[in-house]
Amino acid sequence: MPRPRDPLTPRQTRLRISFSRLRGTGPKKCGPLEKISPF
């Protein structure tokens, strides 16, 4: 699913990474994170 690349703030990037590690899944499978993740 190609998405327009939105510039992420450092805070959003850290949140996305920490949630990915916490849940053990990539950003693609994290529903709530799709809103802030360009991937």
N, C-alpha and C. Protein backbone atom coordinates (compact mmCIF):
# COMPACT_ATOMS: atom_id res chain seq x y z
N MET A 1 0.83 -1.20 0.00
CA MET A 1 0.00 0.00 0.00
C MET A 1 0.87 1.25 0.00
N PRO A 2 1.08 1.86 -1.11
CA PRO A 2 1.88 3.09 -1.13
C PRO A 2 1.16 4.24 -0.43
N ARG A 3 1.89 4.98 0.36
CA ARG A 3 1.29 6.11 1.09
C ARG A 3 2.11 7.35 0.85
N PRO A 4 1.51 8.51 0.82
CA PRO A 4 2.31 9.74 0.73
C PRO A 4 3.20 9.87 1.95
N ARG A 5 4.43 10.25 1.73
CA ARG A 5 5.38 10.32 2.86
C ARG A 5 5.22 11.64 3.58
N ASP A 6 4.72 11.57 4.80
CA ASP A 6 4.60 12.78 5.61
C ASP A 6 5.84 12.89 6.49
N PRO A 7 6.36 14.09 6.64
CA PRO A 7 7.52 14.27 7.51
C PRO A 7 7.15 13.97 8.96
N LEU A 8 7.94 13.11 9.59
CA LEU A 8 7.66 12.75 10.98
C LEU A 8 8.53 13.58 11.91
N THR A 9 7.96 13.99 13.02
CA THR A 9 8.77 14.67 14.03
C THR A 9 9.55 13.60 14.79
N PRO A 10 10.66 13.98 15.41
CA PRO A 10 11.45 13.01 16.18
C PRO A 10 10.60 12.29 17.22
N ARG A 11 9.63 13.02 17.80
CA ARG A 11 8.78 12.39 18.82
C ARG A 11 7.93 11.30 18.20
N GLN A 12 7.35 11.56 17.03
CA GLN A 12 6.51 10.55 16.39
C GLN A 12 7.34 9.34 15.98
N THR A 13 8.56 9.61 15.51
CA THR A 13 9.43 8.51 15.12
C THR A 13 9.76 7.63 16.32
N ARG A 14 10.08 8.28 17.44
CA ARG A 14 10.38 7.51 18.66
C ARG A 14 9.17 6.72 19.12
N LEU A 15 7.99 7.34 19.04
CA LEU A 15 6.77 6.64 19.46
C LEU A 15 6.53 5.42 18.58
N ARG A 16 6.70 5.60 17.28
CA ARG A 16 6.45 4.49 16.36
C ARG A 16 7.42 3.35 16.63
N ILE A 17 8.70 3.69 16.85
CA ILE A 17 9.70 2.65 17.08
C ILE A 17 9.43 1.94 18.41
N SER A 18 9.13 2.71 19.45
CA SER A 18 8.92 2.09 20.75
C SER A 18 7.67 1.21 20.74
N PHE A 19 6.61 1.66 20.06
CA PHE A 19 5.40 0.84 20.00
C PHE A 19 5.67 -0.43 19.19
N SER A 20 6.46 -0.31 18.12
CA SER A 20 6.77 -1.49 17.30
C SER A 20 7.52 -2.51 18.14
N ARG A 21 8.48 -2.04 18.93
CA ARG A 21 9.25 -2.97 19.76
C ARG A 21 8.37 -3.56 20.86
N LEU A 22 7.50 -2.72 21.43
CA LEU A 22 6.67 -3.16 22.53
C LEU A 22 5.72 -4.27 22.09
N ARG A 23 5.11 -4.06 20.92
CA ARG A 23 4.13 -5.03 20.42
C ARG A 23 4.80 -6.17 19.66
N GLY A 24 6.08 -5.99 19.33
CA GLY A 24 6.79 -7.04 18.59
C GLY A 24 6.32 -7.13 17.15
N THR A 25 5.74 -6.05 16.62
CA THR A 25 5.29 -6.07 15.23
C THR A 25 5.79 -4.82 14.52
N GLY A 26 5.77 -4.86 13.21
CA GLY A 26 6.18 -3.71 12.42
C GLY A 26 5.08 -2.66 12.40
N PRO A 27 5.43 -1.44 11.94
CA PRO A 27 4.45 -0.35 11.88
C PRO A 27 3.23 -0.69 11.02
N LYS A 28 3.42 -1.58 10.03
CA LYS A 28 2.31 -1.91 9.12
C LYS A 28 1.18 -2.61 9.87
N LYS A 29 1.51 -3.35 10.93
CA LYS A 29 0.49 -4.13 11.62
C LYS A 29 -0.09 -3.39 12.82
N CYS A 30 0.46 -2.23 13.13
CA CYS A 30 -0.04 -1.46 14.28
C CYS A 30 -1.13 -0.52 13.80
N GLY A 31 -2.38 -0.86 14.05
CA GLY A 31 -3.51 -0.08 13.56
C GLY A 31 -3.45 1.40 13.95
N PRO A 32 -3.39 1.69 15.26
CA PRO A 32 -3.42 3.09 15.69
C PRO A 32 -2.23 3.89 15.16
N LEU A 33 -1.12 3.20 14.89
CA LEU A 33 0.08 3.91 14.46
C LEU A 33 0.04 4.26 12.98
N GLU A 34 -0.92 3.70 12.26
CA GLU A 34 -0.96 3.98 10.82
C GLU A 34 -1.18 5.46 10.56
N LYS A 35 -1.78 6.15 11.52
CA LYS A 35 -2.07 7.57 11.32
C LYS A 35 -0.80 8.41 11.34
N ILE A 36 0.24 7.95 12.08
CA ILE A 36 1.46 8.75 12.16
C ILE A 36 2.61 8.08 11.42
N SER A 37 2.38 6.85 10.90
CA SER A 37 3.46 6.14 10.23
C SER A 37 3.31 6.24 8.72
N PRO A 38 4.34 6.71 8.02
CA PRO A 38 4.27 6.83 6.56
C PRO A 38 4.49 5.49 5.88
N PHE A 39 4.88 4.46 6.65
CA PHE A 39 5.16 3.17 6.03
C PHE A 39 3.88 2.36 5.93
